[in-house]
C-alpha atoms as a PDB file:
ATOM      1  CA  MET A   1       0.071  -0.057  -0.060  1.00  0.00           C
ATOM      2  CA  GLN A   2       1.321   3.445  -1.183  1.00  0.00           C
ATOM      3  CA  LEU A   3       1.404   5.919   1.708  1.00  0.00           C
ATOM      4  CA  SER A   4       0.422   9.403   0.645  1.00  0.00           C
ATOM      5  CA  ASN A   5       1.043  12.914   2.052  1.00  0.00           C
ATOM      6  CA  PRO A   6       4.647  12.587   2.822  1.00  0.00           C
ATOM      7  CA  ALA A   7       4.825  16.251   4.456  1.00  0.00           C
ATOM      8  CA  SER A   8       1.885  15.376   6.884  1.00  0.00           C
ATOM      9  CA  ALA A   9       1.235  18.280   9.262  1.00  0.00           C
ATOM     10  CA  THR A  10       0.440  15.747  11.802  1.00  0.00           C
ATOM     11  CA  SER A  11       3.783  14.096  12.115  1.00  0.00           C
ATOM     12  CA  SER A  12       5.956  14.665  15.343  1.00  0.00           C
ATOM     13  CA  GLN A  13       8.522  16.139  12.613  1.00  0.00           C
ATOM     14  CA  ALA A  14       6.040  18.413  10.989  1.00  0.00           C
ATOM     15  CA  TYR A  15       7.528  21.693   9.872  1.00  0.00           C
ATOM     16  CA  ARG A  16       6.507  24.770   7.898  1.00  0.00           C
ATOM     17  CA  ALA A  17       7.092  24.436   4.128  1.00  0.00           C
ATOM     18  CA  ASP A  18       9.809  26.855   2.903  1.00  0.00           C
ATOM     19  CA  ASP A  19      10.630  27.307  -0.753  1.00  0.00           C
ATOM     20  CA  ARG A  20      14.228  28.446  -0.101  1.00  0.00           C
ATOM     21  CA  ASN A  21      15.012  24.790   0.733  1.00  0.00           C
ATOM     22  CA  GLU A  22      14.742  23.995  -3.135  1.00  0.00           C
ATOM     23  CA  GLN A  23      17.856  26.179  -3.609  1.00  0.00           C
ATOM     24  CA  VAL A  24      20.127  25.043  -0.783  1.00  0.00           C
ATOM     25  CA  LEU A  25      23.405  23.743  -1.293  1.00  0.00           C
ATOM     26  CA  VAL A  26      24.469  20.419  -0.032  1.00  0.00           C
ATOM     27  CA  TYR A  27      27.999  19.336   1.292  1.00  0.00           C
ATOM     28  CA  LEU A  28      29.109  16.311  -0.250  1.00  0.00           C
ATOM     29  CA  ASN A  29      32.670  14.962   0.382  1.00  0.00           C
ATOM     30  CA  GLY A  30      34.244  18.340   0.417  1.00  0.00           C
ATOM     31  CA  ASP A  31      32.038  20.098  -2.289  1.00  0.00           C
ATOM     32  CA  PHE A  32      28.923  22.046  -2.077  1.00  0.00           C
ATOM     33  CA  VAL A  33      26.347  21.238  -4.795  1.00  0.00           C
ATOM     34  CA  PRO A  34      22.782  22.196  -5.515  1.00  0.00           C
ATOM     35  CA  ARG A  35      20.355  19.966  -3.839  1.00  0.00           C
ATOM     36  CA  SER A  36      19.003  18.461  -7.249  1.00  0.00           C
ATOM     37  CA  GLU A  37      22.646  17.454  -8.150  1.00  0.00           C
ATOM     38  CA  ALA A  38      23.550  16.011  -4.753  1.00  0.00           C
ATOM     39  CA  LYS A  39      24.103  12.233  -5.360  1.00  0.00           C
ATOM     40  CA  VAL A  40      26.071   9.230  -4.134  1.00  0.00           C
ATOM     41  CA  SER A  41      26.774   5.930  -5.922  1.00  0.00           C
ATOM     42  CA  ILE A  42      24.342   2.938  -5.828  1.00  0.00           C
ATOM     43  CA  PHE A  43      27.473   1.066  -4.502  1.00  0.00           C
ATOM     44  CA  ASP A  44      27.780   3.207  -1.426  1.00  0.00           C
ATOM     45  CA  ALA A  45      27.386   1.380   1.757  1.00  0.00           C
ATOM     46  CA  GLY A  46      24.602   3.440   3.067  1.00  0.00           C
ATOM     47  CA  TYR A  47      22.481   2.548   0.008  1.00  0.00           C
ATOM     48  CA  VAL A  48      23.685  -0.993  -0.112  1.00  0.00           C
ATOM     49  CA  CYS A  49      22.834  -1.929   3.573  1.00  0.00           C
ATOM     50  CA  GLY A  50      22.347   1.227   5.557  1.00  0.00           C
ATOM     51  CA  ASP A  51      26.040   0.985   7.007  1.00  0.00           C
ATOM     52  CA  GLY A  52      26.570   4.465   8.506  1.00  0.00           C
ATOM     53  CA  VAL A  53      25.541   6.863  11.321  1.00  0.00           C
ATOM     54  CA  TRP A  54      24.031  10.285  11.281  1.00  0.00           C
ATOM     55  CA  GLU A  55      23.159  13.296  13.457  1.00  0.00           C
ATOM     56  CA  GLY A  56      20.402  16.004  13.164  1.00  0.00           C
ATOM     57  CA  VAL A  57      21.267  19.440  14.705  1.00  0.00           C
ATOM     58  CA  ARG A  58      19.164  22.545  15.109  1.00  0.00           C
ATOM     59  CA  LEU A  59      20.288  26.144  14.507  1.00  0.00           C
ATOM     60  CA  VAL A  60      18.741  28.801  16.801  1.00  0.00           C
ATOM     61  CA  LYS A  61      19.950  32.454  16.857  1.00  0.00           C
ATOM     62  CA  GLY A  62      23.429  31.522  15.496  1.00  0.00           C
ATOM     63  CA  ARG A  63      23.843  28.656  17.938  1.00  0.00           C
ATOM     64  CA  VAL A  64      23.778  25.058  17.213  1.00  0.00           C
ATOM     65  CA  ILE A  65      21.913  23.443  20.260  1.00  0.00           C
ATOM     66  CA  SER A  66      23.870  20.868  22.234  1.00  0.00           C
ATOM     67  CA  PHE A  67      26.472  20.821  19.509  1.00  0.00           C
ATOM     68  CA  ASP A  68      29.255  18.917  21.397  1.00  0.00           C
ATOM     69  CA  ALA A  69      26.782  16.192  22.650  1.00  0.00           C
ATOM     70  CA  HIS A  70      25.606  15.637  18.988  1.00  0.00           C
ATOM     71  CA  ILE A  71      29.141  15.242  17.735  1.00  0.00           C
ATOM     72  CA  ASP A  72      30.109  13.074  20.688  1.00  0.00           C
ATOM     73  CA  ARG A  73      27.115  10.846  19.953  1.00  0.00           C
ATOM     74  CA  LEU A  74      28.153  10.675  16.185  1.00  0.00           C
ATOM     75  CA  PHE A  75      31.802   9.571  16.848  1.00  0.00           C
ATOM     76  CA  GLU A  76      30.659   6.992  19.632  1.00  0.00           C
ATOM     77  CA  GLY A  77      28.293   5.468  17.009  1.00  0.00           C
ATOM     78  CA  ALA A  78      31.128   5.470  14.250  1.00  0.00           C
ATOM     79  CA  ASN A  79      33.394   3.795  16.966  1.00  0.00           C
ATOM     80  CA  ALA A  80      30.840   1.080  17.686  1.00  0.00           C
ATOM     81  CA  ILE A  81      30.654  -0.067  14.143  1.00  0.00           C
ATOM     82  CA  ALA A  82      34.455   0.442  13.483  1.00  0.00           C
ATOM     83  CA  MET A  83      33.958   3.147  10.952  1.00  0.00           C
ATOM     84  CA  ASP A  84      36.650   5.908  10.351  1.00  0.00           C
ATOM     85  CA  ILE A  85      35.028   9.246   9.667  1.00  0.00           C
ATOM     86  CA  GLY A  86      38.063  10.641   8.279  1.00  0.00           C
ATOM     87  CA  LEU A  87      37.538  13.856   9.987  1.00  0.00           C
ATOM     88  CA  THR A  88      38.296  15.057  13.578  1.00  0.00           C
ATOM     89  CA  LYS A  89      35.302  16.256  15.681  1.00  0.00           C
ATOM     90  CA  GLN A  90      36.256  19.909  15.029  1.00  0.00           C
ATOM     91  CA  GLN A  91      36.309  19.252  11.228  1.00  0.00           C
ATOM     92  CA  VAL A  92      32.957  17.646  11.357  1.00  0.00           C
ATOM     93  CA  LYS A  93      31.562  20.645  13.344  1.00  0.00           C
ATOM     94  CA  ASP A  94      33.071  22.917  10.709  1.00  0.00           C
ATOM     95  CA  VAL A  95      31.262  20.930   7.853  1.00  0.00           C
ATOM     96  CA  ILE A  96      28.059  21.706   9.666  1.00  0.00           C
ATOM     97  CA  LEU A  97      28.901  25.297  10.276  1.00  0.00           C
ATOM     98  CA  ARG A  98      30.054  25.911   6.738  1.00  0.00           C
ATOM     99  CA  THR A  99      26.950  24.386   5.384  1.00  0.00           C
ATOM    100  CA  PHE A 100      24.837  26.645   7.378  1.00  0.00           C
ATOM    101  CA  GLU A 101      27.078  29.574   6.336  1.00  0.00           C
ATOM    102  CA  VAL A 102      26.987  29.046   2.558  1.00  0.00           C
ATOM    103  CA  ASN A 103      23.243  28.887   2.620  1.00  0.00           C
ATOM    104  CA  GLY A 104      23.034  32.091   4.597  1.00  0.00           C
ATOM    105  CA  MET A 105      21.240  30.494   7.685  1.00  0.00           C
ATOM    106  CA  HIS A 106      21.481  32.080  11.056  1.00  0.00           C
ATOM    107  CA  ASP A 107      18.255  30.889  12.784  1.00  0.00           C
ATOM    108  CA  GLY A 108      15.328  28.622  12.198  1.00  0.00           C
ATOM    109  CA  ALA A 109      17.360  25.944  10.447  1.00  0.00           C
ATOM    110  CA  HIS A 110      18.177  22.190  10.811  1.00  0.00           C
ATOM    111  CA  ALA A 111      21.037  20.205   9.525  1.00  0.00           C
ATOM    112  CA  ARG A 112      21.495  16.441   9.097  1.00  0.00           C
ATOM    113  CA  LEU A 113      25.007  14.990   8.817  1.00  0.00           C
ATOM    114  CA  MET A 114      25.230  11.739   7.325  1.00  0.00           C
ATOM    115  CA  VAL A 115      28.251   9.424   7.276  1.00  0.00           C
ATOM    116  CA  THR A 116      28.528   6.014   5.680  1.00  0.00           C
ATOM    117  CA  ARG A 117      31.312   3.689   5.187  1.00  0.00           C
ATOM    118  CA  GLY A 118      31.738   4.796   1.575  1.00  0.00           C
ATOM    119  CA  LEU A 119      32.011   2.952  -1.791  1.00  0.00           C
ATOM    120  CA  LYS A 120      31.870  -0.685  -2.115  1.00  0.00           C
ATOM    121  CA  LYS A 121      33.464  -3.042  -4.766  1.00  0.00           C
ATOM    122  CA  THR A 122      30.256  -5.053  -4.859  1.00  0.00           C
ATOM    123  CA  PRO A 123      26.837  -4.745  -3.033  1.00  0.00           C
ATOM    124  CA  ASN A 124      27.246  -6.819  -0.050  1.00  0.00           C
ATOM    125  CA  GLN A 125      27.543  -6.491   3.854  1.00  0.00           C
ATOM    126  CA  ASP A 126      31.363  -7.237   4.341  1.00  0.00           C
ATOM    127  CA  PRO A 127      33.010  -3.840   5.246  1.00  0.00           C
ATOM    128  CA  ARG A 128      36.332  -5.221   3.753  1.00  0.00           C
ATOM    129  CA  PHE A 129      34.947  -4.534   0.415  1.00  0.00           C
ATOM    130  CA  ILE A 130      34.980  -0.795   0.880  1.00  0.00           C
ATOM    131  CA  ILE A 131      36.991   1.290  -1.599  1.00  0.00           C
ATOM    132  CA  GLY A 132      38.522   4.410  -0.205  1.00  0.00           C
ATOM    133  CA  SER A 133      37.006   6.616   2.553  1.00  0.00           C
ATOM    134  CA  ALA A 134      33.840   7.458   4.197  1.00  0.00           C
ATOM    135  CA  THR A 135      31.008   9.308   2.341  1.00  0.00           C
ATOM    136  CA  VAL A 136      30.239  12.464   4.265  1.00  0.00           C
ATOM    137  CA  VAL A 137      27.121  14.471   3.631  1.00  0.00           C
ATOM    138  CA  CYS A 138      25.264  17.448   5.336  1.00  0.00           C
ATOM    139  CA  VAL A 139      21.882  18.569   4.253  1.00  0.00           C
ATOM    140  CA  ALA A 140      20.772  22.110   5.895  1.00  0.00           C
ATOM    141  CA  GLU A 141      17.243  23.317   5.374  1.00  0.00           C
ATOM    142  CA  HIS A 142      15.283  26.266   6.674  1.00  0.00           C
ATOM    143  CA  LYS A 143      13.173  24.256   9.148  1.00  0.00           C
ATOM    144  CA  VAL A 144      10.615  25.833  11.594  1.00  0.00           C
ATOM    145  CA  VAL A 145       8.286  23.522  13.654  1.00  0.00           C
ATOM    146  CA  ASP A 146       4.648  23.813  12.733  1.00  0.00           C
ATOM    147  CA  ALA A 147       3.251  25.573  15.885  1.00  0.00           C
ATOM    148  CA  ALA A 148      -0.367  24.693  14.981  1.00  0.00           C
ATOM    149  CA  ALA A 149       0.601  21.082  14.735  1.00  0.00           C
ATOM    150  CA  LYS A 150       2.323  21.039  18.105  1.00  0.00           C
ATOM    151  CA  LYS A 151      -0.658  22.854  19.789  1.00  0.00           C
ATOM    152  CA  ARG A 152      -3.170  20.227  18.405  1.00  0.00           C
ATOM    153  CA  GLY A 153      -0.966  17.343  20.000  1.00  0.00           C
ATOM    154  CA  LEU A 154      -0.141  13.984  18.623  1.00  0.00           C
ATOM    155  CA  ALA A 155      -2.113  10.772  18.359  1.00  0.00           C
ATOM    156  CA  LEU A 156      -0.098   7.825  19.163  1.00  0.00           C
ATOM    157  CA  HIS A 157      -0.684   4.217  18.596  1.00  0.00           C
ATOM    158  CA  THR A 158       1.041   1.491  20.470  1.00  0.00           C
ATOM    159  CA  SER A 159       3.038  -0.786  18.039  1.00  0.00           C
ATOM    160  CA  THR A 160       3.658  -4.597  17.901  1.00  0.00           C
ATOM    161  CA  ILE A 161       7.173  -3.843  16.801  1.00  0.00           C
ATOM    162  CA  ARG A 162       9.339  -3.809  20.104  1.00  0.00           C
ATOM    163  CA  CYS A 163      12.262  -1.674  20.876  1.00  0.00           C
ATOM    164  CA  SER A 164      15.326  -4.081  20.770  1.00  0.00           C
ATOM    165  CA  THR A 165      18.043  -4.952  23.273  1.00  0.00           C
ATOM    166  CA  PRO A 166      21.474  -3.731  22.597  1.00  0.00           C
ATOM    167  CA  ASP A 167      22.618  -7.258  21.780  1.00  0.00           C
ATOM    168  CA  VAL A 168      20.134  -7.393  18.835  1.00  0.00           C
ATOM    169  CA  PHE A 169      20.046  -3.846  17.854  1.00  0.00           C
ATOM    170  CA  ASP A 170      21.443  -1.053  19.807  1.00  0.00           C
ATOM    171  CA  LEU A 171      18.979   1.915  19.764  1.00  0.00           C
ATOM    172  CA  ARG A 172      21.729   4.079  21.217  1.00  0.00           C
ATOM    173  CA  LEU A 173      23.254   4.038  17.626  1.00  0.00           C
ATOM    174  CA  ASN A 174      21.943   6.642  15.466  1.00  0.00           C
ATOM    175  CA  SER A 175      22.259   4.150  12.455  1.00  0.00           C
ATOM    176  CA  HIS A 176      20.980   4.740   8.977  1.00  0.00           C
ATOM    177  CA  SER A 177      19.171   1.255   9.425  1.00  0.00           C
ATOM    178  CA  ARG A 178      15.816   2.241  10.690  1.00  0.00           C
ATOM    179  CA  LEU A 179      13.698  -0.225   9.070  1.00  0.00           C
ATOM    180  CA  ASN A 180      12.021  -1.461  12.427  1.00  0.00           C
ATOM    181  CA  PHE A 181      11.074   2.034  13.277  1.00  0.00           C
ATOM    182  CA  ILE A 182       9.616   2.765   9.905  1.00  0.00           C
ATOM    183  CA  GLN A 183       7.422  -0.506  10.229  1.00  0.00           C
ATOM    184  CA  ALA A 184       6.189   0.617  13.701  1.00  0.00           C
ATOM    185  CA  LEU A 185       5.315   3.987  12.075  1.00  0.00           C
ATOM    186  CA  ILE A 186       3.524   2.477   9.234  1.00  0.00           C
ATOM    187  CA  GLN A 187       1.384   0.586  11.746  1.00  0.00           C
ATOM    188  CA  ALA A 188       0.544   3.858  13.256  1.00  0.00           C
ATOM    189  CA  ILE A 189      -0.203   5.694  10.082  1.00  0.00           C
ATOM    190  CA  HIS A 190      -2.561   2.621   9.080  1.00  0.00           C
ATOM    191  CA  VAL A 191      -4.847   3.229  11.980  1.00  0.00           C
ATOM    192  CA  GLY A 192      -4.818   6.942  11.648  1.00  0.00           C
ATOM    193  CA  ALA A 193      -2.159   7.747  14.374  1.00  0.00           C
ATOM    194  CA  ASP A 194       0.764  10.253  13.932  1.00  0.00           C
ATOM    195  CA  GLU A 195       3.523   8.155  15.537  1.00  0.00           C
ATOM    196  CA  ALA A 196       4.181   4.795  17.137  1.00  0.00           C
ATOM    197  CA  LEU A 197       4.529   4.217  20.850  1.00  0.00           C
ATOM    198  CA  MET A 198       7.007   1.254  21.267  1.00  0.00           C
ATOM    199  CA  LEU A 199       7.297  -1.252  24.252  1.00  0.00           C
ATOM    200  CA  ASP A 200      10.471  -2.895  25.181  1.00  0.00           C
ATOM    201  CA  THR A 201      10.868  -6.602  25.223  1.00  0.00           C
ATOM    202  CA  ASN A 202       9.615  -6.934  28.573  1.00  0.00           C
ATOM    203  CA  GLY A 203       6.407  -5.116  27.766  1.00  0.00           C
ATOM    204  CA  PHE A 204       7.383  -1.868  29.455  1.00  0.00           C
ATOM    205  CA  VAL A 205       6.917   1.486  27.761  1.00  0.00           C
ATOM    206  CA  SER A 206      10.146   2.479  25.986  1.00  0.00           C
ATOM    207  CA  SER A 207      10.052   5.285  23.290  1.00  0.00           C
ATOM    208  CA  CYS A 208       8.405   6.389  20.064  1.00  0.00           C
ATOM    209  CA  ASN A 209       9.519   5.391  16.711  1.00  0.00           C
ATOM    210  CA  SER A 210      11.483   8.613  16.209  1.00  0.00           C
ATOM    211  CA  THR A 211      11.248  10.442  19.547  1.00  0.00           C
ATOM    212  CA  ASN A 212      11.559   9.905  23.278  1.00  0.00           C
ATOM    213  CA  PHE A 213       8.336   9.728  25.305  1.00  0.00           C
ATOM    214  CA  PHE A 214       7.349  11.097  28.548  1.00  0.00           C
ATOM    215  CA  ILE A 215       4.278  11.258  30.703  1.00  0.00           C
ATOM    216  CA  VAL A 216       3.142  13.230  33.685  1.00  0.00           C
ATOM    217  CA  ARG A 217       1.542  11.552  36.855  1.00  0.00           C
ATOM    218  CA  GLY A 218       0.533  13.430  39.955  1.00  0.00           C
ATOM    219  CA  GLY A 219       2.807  16.469  39.104  1.00  0.00           C
ATOM    220  CA  ALA A 220       5.878  14.231  38.314  1.00  0.00           C
ATOM    221  CA  LEU A 221       7.631  13.468  35.146  1.00  0.00           C
ATOM    222  CA  TRP A 222       8.016  10.005  34.045  1.00  0.00           C
ATOM    223  CA  THR A 223      10.131   8.483  31.335  1.00  0.00           C
ATOM    224  CA  SER A 224      11.624   5.006  30.718  1.00  0.00           C
ATOM    225  CA  SER A 225      14.738   3.516  32.292  1.00  0.00           C
ATOM    226  CA  GLY A 226      16.632   4.428  29.070  1.00  0.00           C
ATOM    227  CA  ARG A 227      17.963   0.808  28.487  1.00  0.00           C
ATOM    228  CA  TYR A 228      15.881   0.398  25.421  1.00  0.00           C
ATOM    229  CA  CYS A 229      15.296   3.780  24.089  1.00  0.00           C
ATOM    230  CA  PHE A 230      17.012   6.317  21.885  1.00  0.00           C
ATOM    231  CA  ASN A 231      19.882   8.047  23.385  1.00  0.00           C
ATOM    232  CA  GLY A 232      17.973  11.384  23.226  1.00  0.00           C
ATOM    233  CA  ILE A 233      19.964  14.667  23.608  1.00  0.00           C
ATOM    234  CA  THR A 234      16.735  16.548  24.019  1.00  0.00           C
ATOM    235  CA  ARG A 235      15.561  13.921  26.431  1.00  0.00           C
ATOM    236  CA  ALA A 236      18.612  14.304  28.653  1.00  0.00           C
ATOM    237  CA  THR A 237      18.296  18.088  28.474  1.00  0.00           C
ATOM    238  CA  VAL A 238      14.594  17.824  29.618  1.00  0.00           C
ATOM    239  CA  LEU A 239      15.564  15.470  32.402  1.00  0.00           C
ATOM    240  CA  ARG A 240      18.199  17.888  33.557  1.00  0.00           C
ATOM    241  CA  LEU A 241      15.981  21.000  33.380  1.00  0.00           C
ATOM    242  CA  ALA A 242      13.342  19.140  35.346  1.00  0.00           C
ATOM    243  CA  ARG A 243      15.568  18.191  38.126  1.00  0.00           C
ATOM    244  CA  GLU A 244      17.177  21.600  38.264  1.00  0.00           C
ATOM    245  CA  ASN A 245      13.803  23.223  38.703  1.00  0.00           C
ATOM    246  CA  GLY A 246      12.572  20.825  41.522  1.00  0.00           C
ATOM    247  CA  ILE A 247      10.331  18.643  39.308  1.00  0.00           C
ATOM    248  CA  PRO A 248      10.093  15.181  40.602  1.00  0.00           C
ATOM    249  CA  VAL A 249      11.479  12.689  37.989  1.00  0.00           C
ATOM    250  CA  HIS A 250      10.840   8.907  37.558  1.00  0.00           C
ATOM    251  CA  GLU A 251      13.210   7.002  35.319  1.00  0.00           C
ATOM    252  CA  GLY A 252      12.297   3.482  35.396  1.00  0.00           C
ATOM    253  CA  ASP A 253       9.780   0.793  34.114  1.00  0.00           C
ATOM    254  CA  TYR A 254       6.171   1.523  33.705  1.00  0.00           C
ATOM    255  CA  THR A 255       3.327   0.155  31.830  1.00  0.00           C
ATOM    256  CA  LEU A 256       0.910   0.926  29.229  1.00  0.00           C
ATOM    257  CA  ALA A 257      -1.917   0.879  31.992  1.00  0.00           C
ATOM    258  CA  GLU A 258      -0.134   3.752  33.725  1.00  0.00           C
ATOM    259  CA  VAL A 259       0.276   5.685  30.517  1.00  0.00           C
ATOM    260  CA  TYR A 260      -3.537   5.417  29.731  1.00  0.00           C
ATOM    261  CA  ALA A 261      -3.935   7.023  33.261  1.00  0.00           C
ATOM    262  CA  ALA A 262      -1.631   9.816  32.678  1.00  0.00           C
ATOM    263  CA  ASP A 263      -2.434  13.395  33.147  1.00  0.00           C
ATOM    264  CA  GLU A 264      -0.109  14.665  30.439  1.00  0.00           C
ATOM    265  CA  ALA A 265       2.238  13.110  27.771  1.00  0.00           C
ATOM    266  CA  PHE A 266       4.811  14.553  25.320  1.00  0.00           C
ATOM    267  CA  VAL A 267       7.704  13.526  23.233  1.00  0.00           C
ATOM    268  CA  THR A 268      11.011  15.108  22.579  1.00  0.00           C
ATOM    269  CA  GLY A 269      13.206  15.583  19.688  1.00  0.00           C
ATOM    270  CA  THR A 270      15.823  17.869  18.052  1.00  0.00           C
ATOM    271  CA  LEU A 271      13.596  19.744  15.673  1.00  0.00           C
ATOM    272  CA  GLY A 272      10.460  19.702  17.677  1.00  0.00           C
ATOM    273  CA  GLY A 273      11.733  20.075  21.122  1.00  0.00           C
ATOM    274  CA  LEU A 274       8.685  19.170  23.353  1.00  0.00           C
ATOM    275  CA  THR A 275       5.521  18.219  21.343  1.00  0.00           C
ATOM    276  CA  PRO A 276       2.399  17.339  23.342  1.00  0.00           C
ATOM    277  CA  VAL A 277       0.569  14.126  23.062  1.00  0.00           C
ATOM    278  CA  ALA A 278      -3.349  14.325  22.833  1.00  0.00           C
ATOM    279  CA  ALA A 279      -4.357  10.648  22.543  1.00  0.00           C
ATOM    280  CA  ILE A 280      -2.735   7.142  22.816  1.00  0.00           C
ATOM    281  CA  ASP A 281      -4.541   4.167  21.231  1.00  0.00           C
ATOM    282  CA  GLY A 282      -7.682   6.294  20.773  1.00  0.00           C
ATOM    283  CA  ARG A 283      -7.905   7.293  24.495  1.00  0.00           C
ATOM    284  CA  ARG A 284      -7.794  11.118  24.895  1.00  0.00           C
ATOM    285  CA  LEU A 285      -5.677  12.428  27.574  1.00  0.00           C
ATOM    286  CA  PRO A 286      -7.118  14.999  30.166  1.00  0.00           C
ATOM    287  CA  THR A 287      -5.072  17.777  28.668  1.00  0.00           C
ATOM    288  CA  GLU A 288      -4.959  16.892  25.095  1.00  0.00           C
ATOM    289  CA  GLY A 289      -2.037  19.191  24.498  1.00  0.00           C
ATOM    290  CA  TYR A 290       0.042  21.649  26.708  1.00  0.00           C
ATOM    291  CA  GLY A 291      -0.851  20.594  30.222  1.00  0.00           C
ATOM    292  CA  PRO A 292       0.647  22.559  33.159  1.00  0.00           C
ATOM    293  CA  LEU A 293       3.866  20.668  33.550  1.00  0.00           C
ATOM    294  CA  THR A 294       4.475  20.173  29.749  1.00  0.00           C
ATOM    295  CA  GLN A 295       3.971  23.929  29.188  1.00  0.00           C
ATOM    296  CA  ARG A 296       6.450  24.788  32.072  1.00  0.00           C
ATOM    297  CA  LEU A 297       9.103  22.297  30.887  1.00  0.00           C
ATOM    298  CA  ALA A 298       8.498  23.734  27.246  1.00  0.00           C
ATOM    299  CA  GLU A 299       9.207  27.039  28.514  1.00  0.00           C
ATOM    300  CA  LEU A 300      12.358  25.943  30.414  1.00  0.00           C
ATOM    301  CA  TYR A 301      13.591  24.361  27.239  1.00  0.00           C
ATOM    302  CA  GLN A 302      12.979  27.462  25.112  1.00  0.00           C
ATOM    303  CA  ALA A 303      14.915  29.544  27.627  1.00  0.00           C
ATOM    304  CA  TYR A 304      17.732  27.107  27.302  1.00  0.00           C
ATOM    305  CA  ILE A 305      17.898  26.984  23.528  1.00  0.00           C
ATOM    306  CA  THR A 306      17.485  30.864  23.195  1.00  0.00           C
ATOM    307  CA  ALA A 307      19.955  31.692  25.853  1.00  0.00           C
ATOM    308  CA  PRO A 308      23.162  33.453  24.636  1.00  0.00           C
ATOM    309  CA  ALA A 309      26.086  31.460  23.914  1.00  0.00           C
ATOM    310  CA  VAL A 310      28.676  31.309  26.673  1.00  0.00           C
END
């Protein structure tokens, strides 16, 4: 079945359309090329079998949010799969900054840096068939969250696809291989939801297919143990801000039944920050959007990302 409306305004990653994005220049292995001309070989390891890692970063008022944390996560992921990026951390940061600069971006922008193992002699899994160095691509876009979509809140659907254990597939890797999450999202889309809520292998709530998940119960912030969910940088920031501001935090196992009885819920991600959840499995939450604690945390996060660089 073909899925329509690829730029759905109900997605957790919904953003306002911007015609300027058709003219952006893309960084591709040391060169900047027009978006329409940015191509890699069909023998690239990323195309052949999703062999690579990536990071998405957000530019706000000239500042890349949590820049060092994103670059550290990228290099940790590359190290885990024994892939040599071929650049230092500072050089990778420079690639991202130059990509923003050549496109005249200073605010309201997002970049996705993608690194694959590179060109292969033949389309197979074996990394020993790599020819040359890694492929490094950076795509920057004018990207601002759709405020109306955020205000409405997301509808989630609990997927039958489980978040995996690290010995099966480590979710702490920002890998190009995302098929399990795409499967979960497709299940959600087919029942009219916006994103999939995913459980871990023990049946406890873990994360969504592309974002981290939180609920509010009795004035306290709840999220998963972190053992089976994305190593979310926005997630970590929200937890830190909550603790610094005296908000009780529960990090641990909890069930779908406890989610259904939540007062509020939201998801976190680099582009969207905090996005409220209105319904889960067809059950409307009492707030259906920005509840009191979600609103407070959203304000704390906004103050963090707009604070002057130090």
